[in-house]
Amino acid sequence: MRKSLQQKIIQICNDKVLAKGEGVGVSFYAFFANKNNNPELLMEAVTWWIMTHKLDHFEKAVKIKKLVQSEMKEHA
């Protein structure tokens, strides 16, 4: 997954947790503006979410953040 998307996911997860607590859930749609204005980037997120990690539609934001951070460390 491209670095810009990883950073966006981490920031949005941080924002959601700050606003609603550690139990807050997110879906891959949380990282987009409810518009399909970048289908390539959306498919990248969907592929990572569904195909790579086999995640449910909603997952805890803290879990998603940890997964992304782990992958960033692996590729650093």
PDB file of N, CA and C in Angstrom:
ATOM      1  N   MET A   1       0.842  -1.166   0.000  1.00  0.00           N
ATOM      2  CA  MET A   1       0.000   0.000   0.000  1.00  0.00           C
ATOM      3  C   MET A   1       0.893   1.236   0.000  1.00  0.00           C
ATOM      4  N   ARG A   2       0.500   2.199  -0.789  1.00  0.00           N
ATOM      5  CA  ARG A   2       1.343   3.405  -0.884  1.00  0.00           C
ATOM      6  C   ARG A   2       1.406   4.155   0.445  1.00  0.00           C
ATOM      7  N   LYS A   3       2.540   4.807   0.629  1.00  0.00           N
ATOM      8  CA  LYS A   3       2.828   5.481   1.899  1.00  0.00           C
ATOM      9  C   LYS A   3       1.796   6.564   2.226  1.00  0.00           C
ATOM     10  N   SER A   4       1.353   7.303   1.231  1.00  0.00           N
ATOM     11  CA  SER A   4       0.370   8.372   1.485  1.00  0.00           C
ATOM     12  C   SER A   4      -0.934   7.804   2.044  1.00  0.00           C
ATOM     13  N   LEU A   5      -1.346   6.640   1.557  1.00  0.00           N
ATOM     14  CA  LEU A   5      -2.560   6.014   2.067  1.00  0.00           C
ATOM     15  C   LEU A   5      -2.328   5.479   3.478  1.00  0.00           C
ATOM     16  N   GLN A   6      -1.168   4.913   3.725  1.00  0.00           N
ATOM     17  CA  GLN A   6      -0.848   4.441   5.074  1.00  0.00           C
ATOM     18  C   GLN A   6      -0.920   5.591   6.073  1.00  0.00           C
ATOM     19  N   GLN A   7      -0.328   6.718   5.711  1.00  0.00           N
ATOM     20  CA  GLN A   7      -0.321   7.874   6.604  1.00  0.00           C
ATOM     21  C   GLN A   7      -1.731   8.407   6.836  1.00  0.00           C
ATOM     22  N   LYS A   8      -2.545   8.414   5.785  1.00  0.00           N
ATOM     23  CA  LYS A   8      -3.927   8.875   5.907  1.00  0.00           C
ATOM     24  C   LYS A   8      -4.718   7.947   6.832  1.00  0.00           C
ATOM     25  N   ILE A   9      -4.535   6.652   6.687  1.00  0.00           N
ATOM     26  CA  ILE A   9      -5.233   5.686   7.537  1.00  0.00           C
ATOM     27  C   ILE A   9      -4.863   5.885   8.998  1.00  0.00           C
ATOM     28  N   ILE A  10      -3.584   6.031   9.274  1.00  0.00           N
ATOM     29  CA  ILE A  10      -3.126   6.238  10.647  1.00  0.00           C
ATOM     30  C   ILE A  10      -3.718   7.522  11.222  1.00  0.00           C
ATOM     31  N   GLN A  11      -3.706   8.605  10.455  1.00  0.00           N
ATOM     32  CA  GLN A  11      -4.245   9.881  10.938  1.00  0.00           C
ATOM     33  C   GLN A  11      -5.739   9.785  11.222  1.00  0.00           C
ATOM     34  N   ILE A  12      -6.484   9.175  10.322  1.00  0.00           N
ATOM     35  CA  ILE A  12      -7.925   9.053  10.528  1.00  0.00           C
ATOM     36  C   ILE A  12      -8.233   8.150  11.716  1.00  0.00           C
ATOM     37  N   CYS A  13      -7.491   7.068  11.866  1.00  0.00           N
ATOM     38  CA  CYS A  13      -7.672   6.202  13.036  1.00  0.00           C
ATOM     39  C   CYS A  13      -7.378   6.965  14.319  1.00  0.00           C
ATOM     40  N   ASN A  14      -6.305   7.731  14.328  1.00  0.00           N
ATOM     41  CA  ASN A  14      -5.983   8.559  15.499  1.00  0.00           C
ATOM     42  C   ASN A  14      -7.119   9.529  15.806  1.00  0.00           C
ATOM     43  N   ASP A  15      -7.639  10.198  14.769  1.00  0.00           N
ATOM     44  CA  ASP A  15      -8.718  11.165  14.957  1.00  0.00           C
ATOM     45  C   ASP A  15      -9.969  10.496  15.513  1.00  0.00           C
ATOM     46  N   LYS A  16     -10.318   9.333  14.975  1.00  0.00           N
ATOM     47  CA  LYS A  16     -11.512   8.614  15.428  1.00  0.00           C
ATOM     48  C   LYS A  16     -11.377   8.177  16.888  1.00  0.00           C
ATOM     49  N   VAL A  17     -10.200   7.657  17.244  1.00  0.00           N
ATOM     50  CA  VAL A  17      -9.966   7.212  18.618  1.00  0.00           C
ATOM     51  C   VAL A  17     -10.023   8.399  19.576  1.00  0.00           C
ATOM     52  N   LEU A  18      -9.432   9.520  19.198  1.00  0.00           N
ATOM     53  CA  LEU A  18      -9.485  10.712  20.054  1.00  0.00           C
ATOM     54  C   LEU A  18     -10.915  11.193  20.246  1.00  0.00           C
ATOM     55  N   ALA A  19     -11.720  11.117  19.199  1.00  0.00           N
ATOM     56  CA  ALA A  19     -13.088  11.619  19.261  1.00  0.00           C
ATOM     57  C   ALA A  19     -14.043  10.664  19.977  1.00  0.00           C
ATOM     58  N   LYS A  20     -13.837   9.350  19.782  1.00  0.00           N
ATOM     59  CA  LYS A  20     -14.846   8.405  20.264  1.00  0.00           C
ATOM     60  C   LYS A  20     -14.308   7.296  21.155  1.00  0.00           C
ATOM     61  N   GLY A  21     -13.007   7.283  21.414  1.00  0.00           N
ATOM     62  CA  GLY A  21     -12.430   6.272  22.288  1.00  0.00           C
ATOM     63  C   GLY A  21     -11.895   5.066  21.548  1.00  0.00           C
ATOM     64  N   GLU A  22     -11.190   4.211  22.282  1.00  0.00           N
ATOM     65  CA  GLU A  22     -10.480   3.083  21.677  1.00  0.00           C
ATOM     66  C   GLU A  22     -11.391   1.996  21.124  1.00  0.00           C
ATOM     67  N   GLY A  23     -12.658   2.025  21.455  1.00  0.00           N
ATOM     68  CA  GLY A  23     -13.577   1.021  20.959  1.00  0.00           C
ATOM     69  C   GLY A  23     -14.202   1.354  19.610  1.00  0.00           C
ATOM     70  N   VAL A  24     -13.850   2.518  19.060  1.00  0.00           N
ATOM     71  CA  VAL A  24     -14.471   2.965  17.815  1.00  0.00           C
ATOM     72  C   VAL A  24     -14.065   2.068  16.641  1.00  0.00           C
ATOM     73  N   GLY A  25     -15.044   1.783  15.798  1.00  0.00           N
ATOM     74  CA  GLY A  25     -14.791   0.981  14.616  1.00  0.00           C
ATOM     75  C   GLY A  25     -14.692   1.846  13.372  1.00  0.00           C
ATOM     76  N   VAL A  26     -14.023   1.327  12.360  1.00  0.00           N
ATOM     77  CA  VAL A  26     -13.911   2.003  11.068  1.00  0.00           C
ATOM     78  C   VAL A  26     -14.064   0.963   9.959  1.00  0.00           C
ATOM     79  N   SER A  27     -14.417   1.438   8.790  1.00  0.00           N
ATOM     80  CA  SER A  27     -14.385   0.611   7.594  1.00  0.00           C
ATOM     81  C   SER A  27     -13.422   1.275   6.623  1.00  0.00           C
ATOM     82  N   PHE A  28     -13.121   0.615   5.534  1.00  0.00           N
ATOM     83  CA  PHE A  28     -12.197   1.211   4.572  1.00  0.00           C
ATOM     84  C   PHE A  28     -12.785   2.471   3.943  1.00  0.00           C
ATOM     85  N   TYR A  29     -14.092   2.626   3.995  1.00  0.00           N
ATOM     86  CA  TYR A  29     -14.712   3.852   3.473  1.00  0.00           C
ATOM     87  C   TYR A  29     -14.358   5.075   4.309  1.00  0.00           C
ATOM     88  N   ALA A  30     -13.944   4.879   5.549  1.00  0.00           N
ATOM     89  CA  ALA A  30     -13.609   6.001   6.430  1.00  0.00           C
ATOM     90  C   ALA A  30     -12.448   6.836   5.886  1.00  0.00           C
ATOM     91  N   PHE A  31     -11.684   6.276   4.971  1.00  0.00           N
ATOM     92  CA  PHE A  31     -10.488   6.950   4.471  1.00  0.00           C
ATOM     93  C   PHE A  31     -10.737   7.699   3.164  1.00  0.00           C
ATOM     94  N   PHE A  32     -12.022   7.779   2.775  1.00  0.00           N
ATOM     95  CA  PHE A  32     -12.397   8.433   1.527  1.00  0.00           C
ATOM     96  C   PHE A  32     -13.554   9.379   1.780  1.00  0.00           C
ATOM     97  N   ALA A  33     -13.784  10.301   0.869  1.00  0.00           N
ATOM     98  CA  ALA A  33     -14.775  11.365   1.054  1.00  0.00           C
ATOM     99  C   ALA A  33     -16.161  10.971   0.537  1.00  0.00           C
ATOM    100  N   ASN A  34     -16.545   9.705   0.683  1.00  0.00           N
ATOM    101  CA  ASN A  34     -17.846   9.220   0.217  1.00  0.00           C
ATOM    102  C   ASN A  34     -18.063   9.484  -1.265  1.00  0.00           C
ATOM    103  N   LYS A  35     -16.980   9.573  -1.990  1.00  0.00           N
ATOM    104  CA  LYS A  35     -17.045   9.754  -3.436  1.00  0.00           C
ATOM    105  C   LYS A  35     -16.037   8.814  -4.063  1.00  0.00           C
ATOM    106  N   ASN A  36     -16.347   8.361  -5.222  1.00  0.00           N
ATOM    107  CA  ASN A  36     -15.442   7.476  -5.951  1.00  0.00           C
ATOM    108  C   ASN A  36     -14.604   8.307  -6.926  1.00  0.00           C
ATOM    109  N   ASN A  37     -13.894   9.297  -6.382  1.00  0.00           N
ATOM    110  CA  ASN A  37     -13.097  10.175  -7.241  1.00  0.00           C
ATOM    111  C   ASN A  37     -11.669   9.674  -7.441  1.00  0.00           C
ATOM    112  N   ASN A  38     -11.312   8.579  -6.786  1.00  0.00           N
ATOM    113  CA  ASN A  38     -10.006   7.973  -6.989  1.00  0.00           C
ATOM    114  C   ASN A  38     -10.160   6.454  -6.876  1.00  0.00           C
ATOM    115  N   PRO A  39     -10.745   5.823  -7.913  1.00  0.00           N
ATOM    116  CA  PRO A  39     -11.033   4.390  -7.825  1.00  0.00           C
ATOM    117  C   PRO A  39      -9.798   3.526  -7.625  1.00  0.00           C
ATOM    118  N   GLU A  40      -8.666   3.936  -8.154  1.00  0.00           N
ATOM    119  CA  GLU A  40      -7.434   3.155  -7.988  1.00  0.00           C
ATOM    120  C   GLU A  40      -7.023   3.108  -6.518  1.00  0.00           C
ATOM    121  N   LEU A  41      -7.078   4.240  -5.851  1.00  0.00           N
ATOM    122  CA  LEU A  41      -6.705   4.300  -4.437  1.00  0.00           C
ATOM    123  C   LEU A  41      -7.725   3.545  -3.580  1.00  0.00           C
ATOM    124  N   LEU A  42      -8.998   3.683  -3.905  1.00  0.00           N
ATOM    125  CA  LEU A  42     -10.036   2.951  -3.184  1.00  0.00           C
ATOM    126  C   LEU A  42      -9.819   1.446  -3.313  1.00  0.00           C
ATOM    127  N   MET A  43      -9.524   0.972  -4.516  1.00  0.00           N
ATOM    128  CA  MET A  43      -9.287  -0.460  -4.724  1.00  0.00           C
ATOM    129  C   MET A  43      -8.040  -0.934  -3.990  1.00  0.00           C
ATOM    130  N   GLU A  44      -7.057  -0.073  -3.877  1.00  0.00           N
ATOM    131  CA  GLU A  44      -5.857  -0.412  -3.120  1.00  0.00           C
ATOM    132  C   GLU A  44      -6.209  -0.647  -1.651  1.00  0.00           C
ATOM    133  N   ALA A  45      -7.033   0.240  -1.094  1.00  0.00           N
ATOM    134  CA  ALA A  45      -7.468   0.089   0.298  1.00  0.00           C
ATOM    135  C   ALA A  45      -8.341  -1.150   0.470  1.00  0.00           C
ATOM    136  N   VAL A  46      -9.268  -1.358  -0.464  1.00  0.00           N
ATOM    137  CA  VAL A  46     -10.170  -2.507  -0.390  1.00  0.00           C
ATOM    138  C   VAL A  46      -9.387  -3.813  -0.489  1.00  0.00           C
ATOM    139  N   THR A  47      -8.439  -3.872  -1.400  1.00  0.00           N
ATOM    140  CA  THR A  47      -7.624  -5.079  -1.567  1.00  0.00           C
ATOM    141  C   THR A  47      -6.840  -5.367  -0.296  1.00  0.00           C
ATOM    142  N   TRP A  48      -6.239  -4.353   0.277  1.00  0.00           N
ATOM    143  CA  TRP A  48      -5.481  -4.522   1.520  1.00  0.00           C
ATOM    144  C   TRP A  48      -6.411  -5.013   2.628  1.00  0.00           C
ATOM    145  N   TRP A  49      -7.579  -4.408   2.736  1.00  0.00           N
ATOM    146  CA  TRP A  49      -8.530  -4.685   3.812  1.00  0.00           C
ATOM    147  C   TRP A  49      -9.145  -6.077   3.671  1.00  0.00           C
ATOM    148  N   ILE A  50      -9.664  -6.380   2.490  1.00  0.00           N
ATOM    149  CA  ILE A  50     -10.445  -7.602   2.296  1.00  0.00           C
ATOM    150  C   ILE A  50      -9.596  -8.785   1.840  1.00  0.00           C
ATOM    151  N   MET A  51      -8.788  -8.579   0.829  1.00  0.00           N
ATOM    152  CA  MET A  51      -8.041  -9.697   0.254  1.00  0.00           C
ATOM    153  C   MET A  51      -6.790 -10.040   1.076  1.00  0.00           C
ATOM    154  N   THR A  52      -6.037  -9.028   1.465  1.00  0.00           N
ATOM    155  CA  THR A  52      -4.788  -9.277   2.183  1.00  0.00           C
ATOM    156  C   THR A  52      -5.041  -9.704   3.625  1.00  0.00           C
ATOM    157  N   HIS A  53      -5.903  -8.979   4.324  1.00  0.00           N
ATOM    158  CA  HIS A  53      -6.082  -9.221   5.759  1.00  0.00           C
ATOM    159  C   HIS A  53      -7.395  -9.904   6.122  1.00  0.00           C
ATOM    160  N   LYS A  54      -8.290 -10.066   5.141  1.00  0.00           N
ATOM    161  CA  LYS A  54      -9.572 -10.757   5.367  1.00  0.00           C
ATOM    162  C   LYS A  54     -10.336 -10.166   6.558  1.00  0.00           C
ATOM    163  N   LEU A  55     -10.354  -8.837   6.609  1.00  0.00           N
ATOM    164  CA  LEU A  55     -11.011  -8.135   7.708  1.00  0.00           C
ATOM    165  C   LEU A  55     -12.514  -8.037   7.475  1.00  0.00           C
ATOM    166  N   ASP A  56     -13.253  -7.902   8.559  1.00  0.00           N
ATOM    167  CA  ASP A  56     -14.688  -7.648   8.478  1.00  0.00           C
ATOM    168  C   ASP A  56     -14.901  -6.214   7.995  1.00  0.00           C
ATOM    169  N   HIS A  57     -16.157  -5.913   7.666  1.00  0.00           N
ATOM    170  CA  HIS A  57     -16.453  -4.569   7.153  1.00  0.00           C
ATOM    171  C   HIS A  57     -16.048  -3.492   8.167  1.00  0.00           C
ATOM    172  N   PHE A  58     -16.396  -3.697   9.436  1.00  0.00           N
ATOM    173  CA  PHE A  58     -15.989  -2.768  10.495  1.00  0.00           C
ATOM    174  C   PHE A  58     -14.977  -3.454  11.397  1.00  0.00           C
ATOM    175  N   GLU A  59     -13.906  -2.743  11.677  1.00  0.00           N
ATOM    176  CA  GLU A  59     -12.857  -3.211  12.595  1.00  0.00           C
ATOM    177  C   GLU A  59     -12.499  -2.070  13.529  1.00  0.00           C
ATOM    178  N   LYS A  60     -11.907  -2.404  14.644  1.00  0.00           N
ATOM    179  CA  LYS A  60     -11.464  -1.380  15.592  1.00  0.00           C
ATOM    180  C   LYS A  60     -10.369  -0.523  14.945  1.00  0.00           C
ATOM    181  N   ALA A  61     -10.481   0.778  15.129  1.00  0.00           N
ATOM    182  CA  ALA A  61      -9.497   1.701  14.566  1.00  0.00           C
ATOM    183  C   ALA A  61      -8.092   1.399  15.096  1.00  0.00           C
ATOM    184  N   VAL A  62      -7.991   1.034  16.372  1.00  0.00           N
ATOM    185  CA  VAL A  62      -6.673   0.735  16.948  1.00  0.00           C
ATOM    186  C   VAL A  62      -6.052  -0.486  16.266  1.00  0.00           C
ATOM    187  N   LYS A  63      -6.861  -1.461  15.892  1.00  0.00           N
ATOM    188  CA  LYS A  63      -6.363  -2.656  15.197  1.00  0.00           C
ATOM    189  C   LYS A  63      -5.832  -2.287  13.812  1.00  0.00           C
ATOM    190  N   ILE A  64      -6.587  -1.473  13.085  1.00  0.00           N
ATOM    191  CA  ILE A  64      -6.176  -1.069  11.739  1.00  0.00           C
ATOM    192  C   ILE A  64      -4.880  -0.266  11.810  1.00  0.00           C
ATOM    193  N   LYS A  65      -4.807   0.638  12.745  1.00  0.00           N
ATOM    194  CA  LYS A  65      -3.597   1.456  12.907  1.00  0.00           C
ATOM    195  C   LYS A  65      -2.381   0.568  13.170  1.00  0.00           C
ATOM    196  N   LYS A  66      -2.524  -0.407  14.053  1.00  0.00           N
ATOM    197  CA  LYS A  66      -1.412  -1.312  14.371  1.00  0.00           C
ATOM    198  C   LYS A  66      -0.989  -2.127  13.149  1.00  0.00           C
ATOM    199  N   LEU A  67      -1.956  -2.606  12.364  1.00  0.00           N
ATOM    200  CA  LEU A  67      -1.625  -3.361  11.154  1.00  0.00           C
ATOM    201  C   LEU A  67      -0.818  -2.511  10.179  1.00  0.00           C
ATOM    202  N   VAL A  68      -1.267  -1.294   9.957  1.00  0.00           N
ATOM    203  CA  VAL A  68      -0.580  -0.395   9.025  1.00  0.00           C
ATOM    204  C   VAL A  68       0.811  -0.057   9.542  1.00  0.00           C
ATOM    205  N   GLN A  69       0.927   0.275  10.809  1.00  0.00           N
ATOM    206  CA  GLN A  69       2.237   0.607  11.377  1.00  0.00           C
ATOM    207  C   GLN A  69       3.185  -0.572  11.279  1.00  0.00           C
ATOM    208  N   SER A  70       2.686  -1.773  11.509  1.00  0.00           N
ATOM    209  CA  SER A  70       3.508  -2.978  11.414  1.00  0.00           C
ATOM    210  C   SER A  70       4.054  -3.150  10.007  1.00  0.00           C
ATOM    211  N   GLU A  71       3.201  -2.943   9.020  1.00  0.00           N
ATOM    212  CA  GLU A  71       3.644  -3.080   7.632  1.00  0.00           C
ATOM    213  C   GLU A  71       4.628  -1.986   7.245  1.00  0.00           C
ATOM    214  N   MET A  72       4.446  -0.784   7.788  1.00  0.00           N
ATOM    215  CA  MET A  72       5.382   0.295   7.499  1.00  0.00           C
ATOM    216  C   MET A  72       6.765  -0.053   8.044  1.00  0.00           C
ATOM    217  N   LYS A  73       6.817  -0.654   9.222  1.00  0.00           N
ATOM    218  CA  LYS A  73       8.100  -1.058   9.815  1.00  0.00           C
ATOM    219  C   LYS A  73       8.766  -2.153   8.990  1.00  0.00           C
ATOM    220  N   GLU A  74       7.958  -3.091   8.484  1.00  0.00           N
ATOM    221  CA  GLU A  74       8.497  -4.184   7.682  1.00  0.00           C
ATOM    222  C   GLU A  74       9.146  -3.691   6.400  1.00  0.00           C
ATOM    223  N   HIS A  75       8.603  -2.628   5.838  1.00  0.00           N
ATOM    224  CA  HIS A  75       9.084  -2.122   4.548  1.00  0.00           C
ATOM    225  C   HIS A  75      10.017  -0.936   4.697  1.00  0.00           C
ATOM    226  N   ALA A  76      10.419  -0.631   5.921  1.00  0.00           N
ATOM    227  CA  ALA A  76      11.309   0.513   6.145  1.00  0.00           C
ATOM    228  C   ALA A  76      12.753   0.139   5.867  1.00  0.00           C
TER     229      ALA A  76
END
